[in-house]
Amino acid sequence: MIKVSESARKKIVSLMTEEGFDPVRDYVRVGVKSGGCSGLSYELKFDNQTGEQDKIFADNDIQIAVEKKSFLYLAGTTLEFSGGLNGKGFVFNNPNANRTCGCGESFSL
């Protein structure tokens, strides 16, 4: 399962509404792709459809879609949002990551 902190939930609802998505019905699609300083990087986007290979979760009133391949890397992750002057935006607290880069946008196992 992937968890969504309260700060991330508020930002997701705001961004989804701004971009024409329905935060109650539509999904936050979370994934992993090759690349980045540490080998793998996170993907985050909004979607209104799911596929056969998706695992679907709900946490903190947010619907989350993750492809099964990406889920292996993301199980147990908490999605947070850090704002303010030194904020990084969305932050993935991933217990599976052995090493992360300085910006926090990529990791390795």
PDB file of N, CA and C in Angstrom:
ATOM      1  N   MET A   1       0.836  -1.189   0.000  1.00  0.00           N
ATOM      2  CA  MET A   1       0.000   0.000   0.000  1.00  0.00           C
ATOM      3  C   MET A   1       0.880   1.251   0.000  1.00  0.00           C
ATOM      4  N   ILE A   2       0.359   2.300  -0.547  1.00  0.00           N
ATOM      5  CA  ILE A   2       1.021   3.603  -0.558  1.00  0.00           C
ATOM      6  C   ILE A   2       0.175   4.551   0.279  1.00  0.00           C
ATOM      7  N   LYS A   3       0.810   5.266   1.166  1.00  0.00           N
ATOM      8  CA  LYS A   3       0.100   6.183   2.058  1.00  0.00           C
ATOM      9  C   LYS A   3       0.251   7.617   1.554  1.00  0.00           C
ATOM     10  N   VAL A   4      -0.716   8.458   1.916  1.00  0.00           N
ATOM     11  CA  VAL A   4      -0.717   9.868   1.539  1.00  0.00           C
ATOM     12  C   VAL A   4      -0.845  10.696   2.817  1.00  0.00           C
ATOM     13  N   SER A   5       0.153  11.538   3.084  1.00  0.00           N
ATOM     14  CA  SER A   5       0.104  12.391   4.276  1.00  0.00           C
ATOM     15  C   SER A   5      -0.966  13.467   4.090  1.00  0.00           C
ATOM     16  N   GLU A   6      -1.317  14.120   5.174  1.00  0.00           N
ATOM     17  CA  GLU A   6      -2.324  15.181   5.120  1.00  0.00           C
ATOM     18  C   GLU A   6      -1.868  16.342   4.242  1.00  0.00           C
ATOM     19  N   SER A   7      -0.587  16.719   4.347  1.00  0.00           N
ATOM     20  CA  SER A   7      -0.083  17.830   3.522  1.00  0.00           C
ATOM     21  C   SER A   7      -0.128  17.471   2.035  1.00  0.00           C
ATOM     22  N   ALA A   8       0.197  16.220   1.706  1.00  0.00           N
ATOM     23  CA  ALA A   8       0.136  15.779   0.304  1.00  0.00           C
ATOM     24  C   ALA A   8      -1.314  15.727  -0.176  1.00  0.00           C
ATOM     25  N   ARG A   9      -2.214  15.263   0.682  1.00  0.00           N
ATOM     26  CA  ARG A   9      -3.626  15.192   0.296  1.00  0.00           C
ATOM     27  C   ARG A   9      -4.161  16.568  -0.074  1.00  0.00           C
ATOM     28  N   LYS A  10      -3.873  17.558   0.758  1.00  0.00           N
ATOM     29  CA  LYS A  10      -4.359  18.917   0.478  1.00  0.00           C
ATOM     30  C   LYS A  10      -3.830  19.432  -0.854  1.00  0.00           C
ATOM     31  N   LYS A  11      -2.544  19.219  -1.113  1.00  0.00           N
ATOM     32  CA  LYS A  11      -1.945  19.705  -2.359  1.00  0.00           C
ATOM     33  C   LYS A  11      -2.492  18.940  -3.566  1.00  0.00           C
ATOM     34  N   ILE A  12      -2.675  17.632  -3.423  1.00  0.00           N
ATOM     35  CA  ILE A  12      -3.226  16.822  -4.518  1.00  0.00           C
ATOM     36  C   ILE A  12      -4.623  17.282  -4.873  1.00  0.00           C
ATOM     37  N   VAL A  13      -5.490  17.483  -3.872  1.00  0.00           N
ATOM     38  CA  VAL A  13      -6.863  17.942  -4.124  1.00  0.00           C
ATOM     39  C   VAL A  13      -6.838  19.283  -4.849  1.00  0.00           C
ATOM     40  N   SER A  14      -5.985  20.183  -4.402  1.00  0.00           N
ATOM     41  CA  SER A  14      -5.877  21.504  -5.020  1.00  0.00           C
ATOM     42  C   SER A  14      -5.417  21.398  -6.482  1.00  0.00           C
ATOM     43  N   LEU A  15      -4.364  20.624  -6.728  1.00  0.00           N
ATOM     44  CA  LEU A  15      -3.832  20.490  -8.096  1.00  0.00           C
ATOM     45  C   LEU A  15      -4.798  19.751  -9.014  1.00  0.00           C
ATOM     46  N   MET A  16      -5.432  18.703  -8.514  1.00  0.00           N
ATOM     47  CA  MET A  16      -6.380  17.953  -9.346  1.00  0.00           C
ATOM     48  C   MET A  16      -7.534  18.859  -9.773  1.00  0.00           C
ATOM     49  N   THR A  17      -8.053  19.620  -8.841  1.00  0.00           N
ATOM     50  CA  THR A  17      -9.163  20.524  -9.147  1.00  0.00           C
ATOM     51  C   THR A  17      -8.732  21.561 -10.172  1.00  0.00           C
ATOM     52  N   GLU A  18      -7.541  22.115  -9.973  1.00  0.00           N
ATOM     53  CA  GLU A  18      -6.979  23.114 -10.884  1.00  0.00           C
ATOM     54  C   GLU A  18      -6.830  22.570 -12.307  1.00  0.00           C
ATOM     55  N   GLU A  19      -6.473  21.277 -12.416  1.00  0.00           N
ATOM     56  CA  GLU A  19      -6.225  20.665 -13.723  1.00  0.00           C
ATOM     57  C   GLU A  19      -7.446  19.956 -14.304  1.00  0.00           C
ATOM     58  N   GLY A  20      -8.606  20.132 -13.667  1.00  0.00           N
ATOM     59  CA  GLY A  20      -9.844  19.589 -14.225  1.00  0.00           C
ATOM     60  C   GLY A  20     -10.128  18.142 -13.860  1.00  0.00           C
ATOM     61  N   PHE A  21      -9.438  17.603 -12.867  1.00  0.00           N
ATOM     62  CA  PHE A  21      -9.704  16.247 -12.405  1.00  0.00           C
ATOM     63  C   PHE A  21     -10.597  16.308 -11.176  1.00  0.00           C
ATOM     64  N   ASP A  22     -11.315  15.215 -10.925  1.00  0.00           N
ATOM     65  CA  ASP A  22     -12.183  15.115  -9.759  1.00  0.00           C
ATOM     66  C   ASP A  22     -11.441  14.327  -8.674  1.00  0.00           C
ATOM     67  N   PRO A  23     -11.050  14.963  -7.571  1.00  0.00           N
ATOM     68  CA  PRO A  23     -10.278  14.274  -6.535  1.00  0.00           C
ATOM     69  C   PRO A  23     -11.015  13.101  -5.880  1.00  0.00           C
ATOM     70  N   VAL A  24     -12.333  13.048  -6.011  1.00  0.00           N
ATOM     71  CA  VAL A  24     -13.099  11.950  -5.434  1.00  0.00           C
ATOM     72  C   VAL A  24     -13.106  10.742  -6.365  1.00  0.00           C
ATOM     73  N   ARG A  25     -13.184  10.986  -7.665  1.00  0.00           N
ATOM     74  CA  ARG A  25     -13.350   9.917  -8.648  1.00  0.00           C
ATOM     75  C   ARG A  25     -12.060   9.546  -9.377  1.00  0.00           C
ATOM     76  N   ASP A  26     -11.173  10.523  -9.625  1.00  0.00           N
ATOM     77  CA  ASP A  26      -9.971  10.278 -10.423  1.00  0.00           C
ATOM     78  C   ASP A  26      -8.801   9.816  -9.554  1.00  0.00           C
ATOM     79  N   TYR A  27      -7.690   9.509 -10.209  1.00  0.00           N
ATOM     80  CA  TYR A  27      -6.565   8.846  -9.554  1.00  0.00           C
ATOM     81  C   TYR A  27      -5.282   9.682  -9.584  1.00  0.00           C
ATOM     82  N   VAL A  28      -4.475   9.465  -8.567  1.00  0.00           N
ATOM     83  CA  VAL A  28      -3.088   9.908  -8.600  1.00  0.00           C
ATOM     84  C   VAL A  28      -2.320   8.685  -9.072  1.00  0.00           C
ATOM     85  N   ARG A  29      -1.641   8.803 -10.191  1.00  0.00           N
ATOM     86  CA  ARG A  29      -0.860   7.683 -10.728  1.00  0.00           C
ATOM     87  C   ARG A  29       0.585   7.859 -10.272  1.00  0.00           C
ATOM     88  N   VAL A  30       1.075   6.875  -9.533  1.00  0.00           N
ATOM     89  CA  VAL A  30       2.431   6.896  -9.006  1.00  0.00           C
ATOM     90  C   VAL A  30       3.200   5.769  -9.686  1.00  0.00           C
ATOM     91  N   GLY A  31       4.446   6.062 -10.100  1.00  0.00           N
ATOM     92  CA  GLY A  31       5.235   5.046 -10.778  1.00  0.00           C
ATOM     93  C   GLY A  31       6.721   5.258 -10.605  1.00  0.00           C
ATOM     94  N   VAL A  32       7.461   4.327 -11.177  1.00  0.00           N
ATOM     95  CA  VAL A  32       8.916   4.352 -11.158  1.00  0.00           C
ATOM     96  C   VAL A  32       9.390   4.115 -12.583  1.00  0.00           C
ATOM     97  N   LYS A  33      10.416   4.866 -12.995  1.00  0.00           N
ATOM     98  CA  LYS A  33      11.002   4.648 -14.313  1.00  0.00           C
ATOM     99  C   LYS A  33      12.526   4.677 -14.184  1.00  0.00           C
ATOM    100  N   SER A  34      13.197   4.110 -15.160  1.00  0.00           N
ATOM    101  CA  SER A  34      14.663   4.133 -15.178  1.00  0.00           C
ATOM    102  C   SER A  34      15.141   5.546 -15.416  1.00  0.00           C
ATOM    103  N   GLY A  35      16.223   5.915 -14.728  1.00  0.00           N
ATOM    104  CA  GLY A  35      16.805   7.238 -14.913  1.00  0.00           C
ATOM    105  C   GLY A  35      17.037   7.940 -13.603  1.00  0.00           C
ATOM    106  N   GLY A  36      17.564   9.132 -13.680  1.00  0.00           N
ATOM    107  CA  GLY A  36      17.861   9.901 -12.478  1.00  0.00           C
ATOM    108  C   GLY A  36      19.258   9.607 -11.981  1.00  0.00           C
ATOM    109  N   CYS A  37      19.718  10.392 -11.043  1.00  0.00           N
ATOM    110  CA  CYS A  37      21.093  10.276 -10.526  1.00  0.00           C
ATOM    111  C   CYS A  37      21.364   8.934  -9.862  1.00  0.00           C
ATOM    112  N   SER A  38      20.333   8.336  -9.255  1.00  0.00           N
ATOM    113  CA  SER A  38      20.541   7.103  -8.497  1.00  0.00           C
ATOM    114  C   SER A  38      20.050   5.853  -9.206  1.00  0.00           C
ATOM    115  N   GLY A  39      19.544   5.972 -10.423  1.00  0.00           N
ATOM    116  CA  GLY A  39      19.136   4.796 -11.201  1.00  0.00           C
ATOM    117  C   GLY A  39      17.661   4.688 -11.488  1.00  0.00           C
ATOM    118  N   LEU A  40      16.818   5.044 -10.537  1.00  0.00           N
ATOM    119  CA  LEU A  40      15.368   4.999 -10.722  1.00  0.00           C
ATOM    120  C   LEU A  40      14.788   6.332 -10.289  1.00  0.00           C
ATOM    121  N   SER A  41      13.746   6.773 -10.970  1.00  0.00           N
ATOM    122  CA  SER A  41      13.115   8.032 -10.572  1.00  0.00           C
ATOM    123  C   SER A  41      11.606   7.844 -10.436  1.00  0.00           C
ATOM    124  N   TYR A  42      11.008   8.695  -9.634  1.00  0.00           N
ATOM    125  CA  TYR A  42       9.582   8.632  -9.354  1.00  0.00           C
ATOM    126  C   TYR A  42       8.788   9.386 -10.418  1.00  0.00           C
ATOM    127  N   GLU A  43       7.585   8.903 -10.672  1.00  0.00           N
ATOM    128  CA  GLU A  43       6.640   9.588 -11.546  1.00  0.00           C
ATOM    129  C   GLU A  43       5.359   9.840 -10.757  1.00  0.00           C
ATOM    130  N   LEU A  44       4.765  10.973 -11.004  1.00  0.00           N
ATOM    131  CA  LEU A  44       3.515  11.329 -10.331  1.00  0.00           C
ATOM    132  C   LEU A  44       2.679  12.130 -11.314  1.00  0.00           C
ATOM    133  N   LYS A  45       1.460  11.661 -11.603  1.00  0.00           N
ATOM    134  CA  LYS A  45       0.555  12.395 -12.492  1.00  0.00           C
ATOM    135  C   LYS A  45      -0.872  12.025 -12.138  1.00  0.00           C
ATOM    136  N   PHE A  46      -1.809  12.715 -12.746  1.00  0.00           N
ATOM    137  CA  PHE A  46      -3.225  12.454 -12.510  1.00  0.00           C
ATOM    138  C   PHE A  46      -3.793  11.684 -13.690  1.00  0.00           C
ATOM    139  N   ASP A  47      -4.795  10.848 -13.412  1.00  0.00           N
ATOM    140  CA  ASP A  47      -5.380  10.007 -14.454  1.00  0.00           C
ATOM    141  C   ASP A  47      -6.843   9.774 -14.115  1.00  0.00           C
ATOM    142  N   ASN A  48      -7.658   9.586 -15.143  1.00  0.00           N
ATOM    143  CA  ASN A  48      -9.071   9.292 -14.901  1.00  0.00           C
ATOM    144  C   ASN A  48      -9.429   7.868 -15.331  1.00  0.00           C
ATOM    145  N   GLN A  49      -8.393   7.065 -15.667  1.00  0.00           N
ATOM    146  CA  GLN A  49      -8.618   5.679 -16.065  1.00  0.00           C
ATOM    147  C   GLN A  49      -7.580   4.778 -15.409  1.00  0.00           C
ATOM    148  N   THR A  50      -7.931   3.509 -15.292  1.00  0.00           N
ATOM    149  CA  THR A  50      -6.982   2.526 -14.789  1.00  0.00           C
ATOM    150  C   THR A  50      -6.819   1.433 -15.834  1.00  0.00           C
ATOM    151  N   GLY A  51      -5.733   0.695 -15.732  1.00  0.00           N
ATOM    152  CA  GLY A  51      -5.471  -0.397 -16.656  1.00  0.00           C
ATOM    153  C   GLY A  51      -5.487  -1.738 -15.945  1.00  0.00           C
ATOM    154  N   GLU A  52      -5.402  -2.802 -16.729  1.00  0.00           N
ATOM    155  CA  GLU A  52      -5.417  -4.162 -16.184  1.00  0.00           C
ATOM    156  C   GLU A  52      -4.250  -4.418 -15.239  1.00  0.00           C
ATOM    157  N   GLN A  53      -3.125  -3.779 -15.484  1.00  0.00           N
ATOM    158  CA  GLN A  53      -1.914  -4.008 -14.690  1.00  0.00           C
ATOM    159  C   GLN A  53      -1.815  -3.101 -13.470  1.00  0.00           C
ATOM    160  N   ASP A  54      -2.869  -2.349 -13.177  1.00  0.00           N
ATOM    161  CA  ASP A  54      -2.827  -1.412 -12.057  1.00  0.00           C
ATOM    162  C   ASP A  54      -3.289  -2.038 -10.747  1.00  0.00           C
ATOM    163  N   LYS A  55      -2.615  -1.642  -9.685  1.00  0.00           N
ATOM    164  CA  LYS A  55      -3.105  -1.897  -8.330  1.00  0.00           C
ATOM    165  C   LYS A  55      -3.741  -0.591  -7.885  1.00  0.00           C
ATOM    166  N   ILE A  56      -4.902  -0.674  -7.267  1.00  0.00           N
ATOM    167  CA  ILE A  56      -5.650   0.507  -6.847  1.00  0.00           C
ATOM    168  C   ILE A  56      -5.724   0.541  -5.325  1.00  0.00           C
ATOM    169  N   PHE A  57      -5.412   1.702  -4.761  1.00  0.00           N
ATOM    170  CA  PHE A  57      -5.458   1.910  -3.317  1.00  0.00           C
ATOM    171  C   PHE A  57      -6.213   3.196  -3.037  1.00  0.00           C
ATOM    172  N   ALA A  58      -6.654   3.323  -1.824  1.00  0.00           N
ATOM    173  CA  ALA A  58      -7.212   4.590  -1.349  1.00  0.00           C
ATOM    174  C   ALA A  58      -6.600   4.854   0.018  1.00  0.00           C
ATOM    175  N   ASP A  59      -6.096   6.062   0.204  1.00  0.00           N
ATOM    176  CA  ASP A  59      -5.597   6.459   1.505  1.00  0.00           C
ATOM    177  C   ASP A  59      -5.864   7.946   1.687  1.00  0.00           C
ATOM    178  N   ASN A  60      -6.362   8.303   2.848  1.00  0.00           N
ATOM    179  CA  ASN A  60      -6.627   9.699   3.177  1.00  0.00           C
ATOM    180  C   ASN A  60      -7.516  10.361   2.117  1.00  0.00           C
ATOM    181  N   ASP A  61      -8.515   9.624   1.640  1.00  0.00           N
ATOM    182  CA  ASP A  61      -9.487  10.085   0.640  1.00  0.00           C
ATOM    183  C   ASP A  61      -8.875  10.359  -0.736  1.00  0.00           C
ATOM    184  N   ILE A  62      -7.721   9.781  -1.028  1.00  0.00           N
ATOM    185  CA  ILE A  62      -7.084   9.917  -2.339  1.00  0.00           C
ATOM    186  C   ILE A  62      -7.028   8.539  -2.987  1.00  0.00           C
ATOM    187  N   GLN A  63      -7.468   8.459  -4.247  1.00  0.00           N
ATOM    188  CA  GLN A  63      -7.407   7.219  -5.025  1.00  0.00           C
ATOM    189  C   GLN A  63      -6.039   7.144  -5.697  1.00  0.00           C
ATOM    190  N   ILE A  64      -5.342   6.026  -5.541  1.00  0.00           N
ATOM    191  CA  ILE A  64      -3.984   5.877  -6.071  1.00  0.00           C
ATOM    192  C   ILE A  64      -3.952   4.693  -7.022  1.00  0.00           C
ATOM    193  N   ALA A  65      -3.360   4.896  -8.193  1.00  0.00           N
ATOM    194  CA  ALA A  65      -3.169   3.827  -9.177  1.00  0.00           C
ATOM    195  C   ALA A  65      -1.669   3.631  -9.379  1.00  0.00           C
ATOM    196  N   VAL A  66      -1.235   2.358  -9.307  1.00  0.00           N
ATOM    197  CA  VAL A  66       0.177   2.025  -9.483  1.00  0.00           C
ATOM    198  C   VAL A  66       0.268   0.783 -10.354  1.00  0.00           C
ATOM    199  N   GLU A  67       1.075   0.839 -11.419  1.00  0.00           N
ATOM    200  CA  GLU A  67       1.306  -0.365 -12.218  1.00  0.00           C
ATOM    201  C   GLU A  67       1.996  -1.403 -11.352  1.00  0.00           C
ATOM    202  N   LYS A  68       1.658  -2.673 -11.568  1.00  0.00           N
ATOM    203  CA  LYS A  68       2.202  -3.739 -10.726  1.00  0.00           C
ATOM    204  C   LYS A  68       3.730  -3.745 -10.713  1.00  0.00           C
ATOM    205  N   LYS A  69       4.378  -3.446 -11.853  1.00  0.00           N
ATOM    206  CA  LYS A  69       5.845  -3.428 -11.898  1.00  0.00           C
ATOM    207  C   LYS A  69       6.404  -2.354 -10.964  1.00  0.00           C
ATOM    208  N   SER A  70       5.793  -1.202 -10.953  1.00  0.00           N
ATOM    209  CA  SER A  70       6.255  -0.112 -10.088  1.00  0.00           C
ATOM    210  C   SER A  70       5.952  -0.391  -8.624  1.00  0.00           C
ATOM    211  N   PHE A  71       4.865  -1.113  -8.365  1.00  0.00           N
ATOM    212  CA  PHE A  71       4.465  -1.352  -6.984  1.00  0.00           C
ATOM    213  C   PHE A  71       5.551  -2.088  -6.200  1.00  0.00           C
ATOM    214  N   LEU A  72       6.287  -2.967  -6.860  1.00  0.00           N
ATOM    215  CA  LEU A  72       7.364  -3.703  -6.190  1.00  0.00           C
ATOM    216  C   LEU A  72       8.374  -2.754  -5.558  1.00  0.00           C
ATOM    217  N   TYR A  73       8.604  -1.611  -6.200  1.00  0.00           N
ATOM    218  CA  TYR A  73       9.563  -0.625  -5.707  1.00  0.00           C
ATOM    219  C   TYR A  73       8.941   0.344  -4.696  1.00  0.00           C
ATOM    220  N   LEU A  74       7.623   0.453  -4.710  1.00  0.00           N
ATOM    221  CA  LEU A  74       6.949   1.503  -3.935  1.00  0.00           C
ATOM    222  C   LEU A  74       6.171   1.014  -2.723  1.00  0.00           C
ATOM    223  N   ALA A  75       6.073  -0.284  -2.511  1.00  0.00           N
ATOM    224  CA  ALA A  75       5.292  -0.808  -1.385  1.00  0.00           C
ATOM    225  C   ALA A  75       5.765  -0.185  -0.075  1.00  0.00           C
ATOM    226  N   GLY A  76       4.826   0.345   0.689  1.00  0.00           N
ATOM    227  CA  GLY A  76       5.150   0.945   1.978  1.00  0.00           C
ATOM    228  C   GLY A  76       5.555   2.408   1.922  1.00  0.00           C
ATOM    229  N   THR A  77       5.561   2.995   0.734  1.00  0.00           N
ATOM    230  CA  THR A  77       5.965   4.391   0.566  1.00  0.00           C
ATOM    231  C   THR A  77       4.883   5.338   1.090  1.00  0.00           C
ATOM    232  N   THR A  78       5.327   6.440   1.659  1.00  0.00           N
ATOM    233  CA  THR A  78       4.411   7.516   2.054  1.00  0.00           C
ATOM    234  C   THR A  78       4.700   8.727   1.179  1.00  0.00           C
ATOM    235  N   LEU A  79       3.672   9.247   0.555  1.00  0.00           N
ATOM    236  CA  LEU A  79       3.783  10.447  -0.271  1.00  0.00           C
ATOM    237  C   LEU A  79       3.508  11.651   0.619  1.00  0.00           C
ATOM    238  N   GLU A  80       4.457  12.576   0.663  1.00  0.00           N
ATOM    239  CA  GLU A  80       4.311  13.776   1.476  1.00  0.00           C
ATOM    240  C   GLU A  80       4.506  15.001   0.597  1.00  0.00           C
ATOM    241  N   PHE A  81       4.130  16.156   1.138  1.00  0.00           N
ATOM    242  CA  PHE A  81       4.351  17.407   0.424  1.00  0.00           C
ATOM    243  C   PHE A  81       5.040  18.376   1.358  1.00  0.00           C
ATOM    244  N   SER A  82       6.141  18.943   0.885  1.00  0.00           N
ATOM    245  CA  SER A  82       6.908  19.900   1.670  1.00  0.00           C
ATOM    246  C   SER A  82       6.891  21.237   0.944  1.00  0.00           C
ATOM    247  N   GLY A  83       6.244  22.228   1.531  1.00  0.00           N
ATOM    248  CA  GLY A  83       6.161  23.549   0.916  1.00  0.00           C
ATOM    249  C   GLY A  83       7.068  24.533   1.618  1.00  0.00           C
ATOM    250  N   GLY A  84       6.875  25.801   1.381  1.00  0.00           N
ATOM    251  CA  GLY A  84       7.668  26.834   2.040  1.00  0.00           C
ATOM    252  C   GLY A  84       8.915  27.188   1.259  1.00  0.00           C
ATOM    253  N   LEU A  85       9.768  27.991   1.876  1.00  0.00           N
ATOM    254  CA  LEU A  85      10.968  28.482   1.204  1.00  0.00           C
ATOM    255  C   LEU A  85      11.921  27.374   0.776  1.00  0.00           C
ATOM    256  N   ASN A  86      12.140  26.405   1.646  1.00  0.00           N
ATOM    257  CA  ASN A  86      13.056  25.322   1.330  1.00  0.00           C
ATOM    258  C   ASN A  86      12.328  24.036   0.957  1.00  0.00           C
ATOM    259  N   GLY A  87      11.045  24.140   0.664  1.00  0.00           N
ATOM    260  CA  GLY A  87      10.250  22.965   0.333  1.00  0.00           C
ATOM    261  C   GLY A  87      10.679  22.333  -0.969  1.00  0.00           C
ATOM    262  N   LYS A  88      10.502  21.032  -1.043  1.00  0.00           N
ATOM    263  CA  LYS A  88      10.888  20.274  -2.227  1.00  0.00           C
ATOM    264  C   LYS A  88       9.694  19.903  -3.095  1.00  0.00           C
ATOM    265  N   GLY A  89       8.490  20.196  -2.661  1.00  0.00           N
ATOM    266  CA  GLY A  89       7.313  19.741  -3.375  1.00  0.00           C
ATOM    267  C   GLY A  89       6.928  18.360  -2.858  1.00  0.00           C
ATOM    268  N   PHE A  90       6.527  17.456  -3.755  1.00  0.00           N
ATOM    269  CA  PHE A  90       6.158  16.109  -3.335  1.00  0.00           C
ATOM    270  C   PHE A  90       7.414  15.316  -3.002  1.00  0.00           C
ATOM    271  N   VAL A  91       7.342  14.601  -1.887  1.00  0.00           N
ATOM    272  CA  VAL A  91       8.472  13.813  -1.395  1.00  0.00           C
ATOM    273  C   VAL A  91       7.995  12.380  -1.195  1.00  0.00           C
ATOM    274  N   PHE A  92       8.777  11.423  -1.705  1.00  0.00           N
ATOM    275  CA  PHE A  92       8.474  10.012  -1.540  1.00  0.00           C
ATOM    276  C   PHE A  92       9.336   9.462  -0.402  1.00  0.00           C
ATOM    277  N   ASN A  93       8.717   9.089   0.713  1.00  0.00           N
ATOM    278  CA  ASN A  93       9.443   8.430   1.798  1.00  0.00           C
ATOM    279  C   ASN A  93       9.318   6.934   1.565  1.00  0.00           C
ATOM    280  N   ASN A  94      10.355   6.390   0.928  1.00  0.00           N
ATOM    281  CA  ASN A  94      10.328   5.014   0.443  1.00  0.00           C
ATOM    282  C   ASN A  94      11.239   4.134   1.298  1.00  0.00           C
ATOM    283  N   PRO A  95      10.665   3.204   2.079  1.00  0.00           N
ATOM    284  CA  PRO A  95      11.478   2.337   2.926  1.00  0.00           C
ATOM    285  C   PRO A  95      12.308   1.325   2.133  1.00  0.00           C
ATOM    286  N   ASN A  96      12.008   1.143   0.849  1.00  0.00           N
ATOM    287  CA  ASN A  96      12.732   0.188   0.012  1.00  0.00           C
ATOM    288  C   ASN A  96      14.004   0.773  -0.590  1.00  0.00           C
ATOM    289  N   ALA A  97      14.143   2.088  -0.560  1.00  0.00           N
ATOM    290  CA  ALA A  97      15.288   2.755  -1.187  1.00  0.00           C
ATOM    291  C   ALA A  97      16.524   2.622  -0.294  1.00  0.00           C
ATOM    292  N   ASN A  98      17.601   2.069  -0.857  1.00  0.00           N
ATOM    293  CA  ASN A  98      18.870   1.971  -0.132  1.00  0.00           C
ATOM    294  C   ASN A  98      19.648   3.271  -0.223  1.00  0.00           C
ATOM    295  N   ARG A  99      19.459   3.977  -1.330  1.00  0.00           N
ATOM    296  CA  ARG A  99      20.204   5.213  -1.558  1.00  0.00           C
ATOM    297  C   ARG A  99      19.306   6.159  -2.342  1.00  0.00           C
ATOM    298  N   THR A 100      19.322   7.435  -1.968  1.00  0.00           N
ATOM    299  CA  THR A 100      18.578   8.451  -2.718  1.00  0.00           C
ATOM    300  C   THR A 100      19.534   9.563  -3.103  1.00  0.00           C
ATOM    301  N   CYS A 101      19.179  10.292  -4.131  1.00  0.00           N
ATOM    302  CA  CYS A 101      20.010  11.425  -4.537  1.00  0.00           C
ATOM    303  C   CYS A 101      19.702  12.632  -3.651  1.00  0.00           C
ATOM    304  N   GLY A 102      20.476  13.668  -3.757  1.00  0.00           N
ATOM    305  CA  GLY A 102      20.295  14.864  -2.936  1.00  0.00           C
ATOM    306  C   GLY A 102      18.955  15.539  -3.139  1.00  0.00           C
ATOM    307  N   CYS A 103      18.423  15.484  -4.363  1.00  0.00           N
ATOM    308  CA  CYS A 103      17.143  16.167  -4.626  1.00  0.00           C
ATOM    309  C   CYS A 103      15.955  15.312  -4.190  1.00  0.00           C
ATOM    310  N   GLY A 104      16.177  14.027  -3.937  1.00  0.00           N
ATOM    311  CA  GLY A 104      15.099  13.149  -3.489  1.00  0.00           C
ATOM    312  C   GLY A 104      14.188  12.654  -4.602  1.00  0.00           C
ATOM    313  N   GLU A 105      14.550  12.926  -5.846  1.00  0.00           N
ATOM    314  CA  GLU A 105      13.692  12.522  -6.959  1.00  0.00           C
ATOM    315  C   GLU A 105      14.101  11.194  -7.575  1.00  0.00           C
ATOM    316  N   SER A 106      15.244  10.638  -7.165  1.00  0.00           N
ATOM    317  CA  SER A 106      15.629   9.328  -7.672  1.00  0.00           C
ATOM    318  C   SER A 106      16.207   8.495  -6.536  1.00  0.00           C
ATOM    319  N   PHE A 107      16.256   7.184  -6.775  1.00  0.00           N
ATOM    320  CA  PHE A 107      16.699   6.268  -5.728  1.00  0.00           C
ATOM    321  C   PHE A 107      17.260   5.003  -6.358  1.00  0.00           C
ATOM    322  N   SER A 108      17.878   4.165  -5.524  1.00  0.00           N
ATOM    323  CA  SER A 108      18.292   2.847  -5.954  1.00  0.00           C
ATOM    324  C   SER A 108      17.964   1.862  -4.843  1.00  0.00           C
ATOM    325  N   LEU A 109      17.898   0.584  -5.220  1.00  0.00           N
ATOM    326  CA  LEU A 109      17.563  -0.466  -4.244  1.00  0.00           C
ATOM    327  C   LEU A 109      18.802  -1.212  -3.841  1.00  0.00           C
TER     328      LEU A 109
END
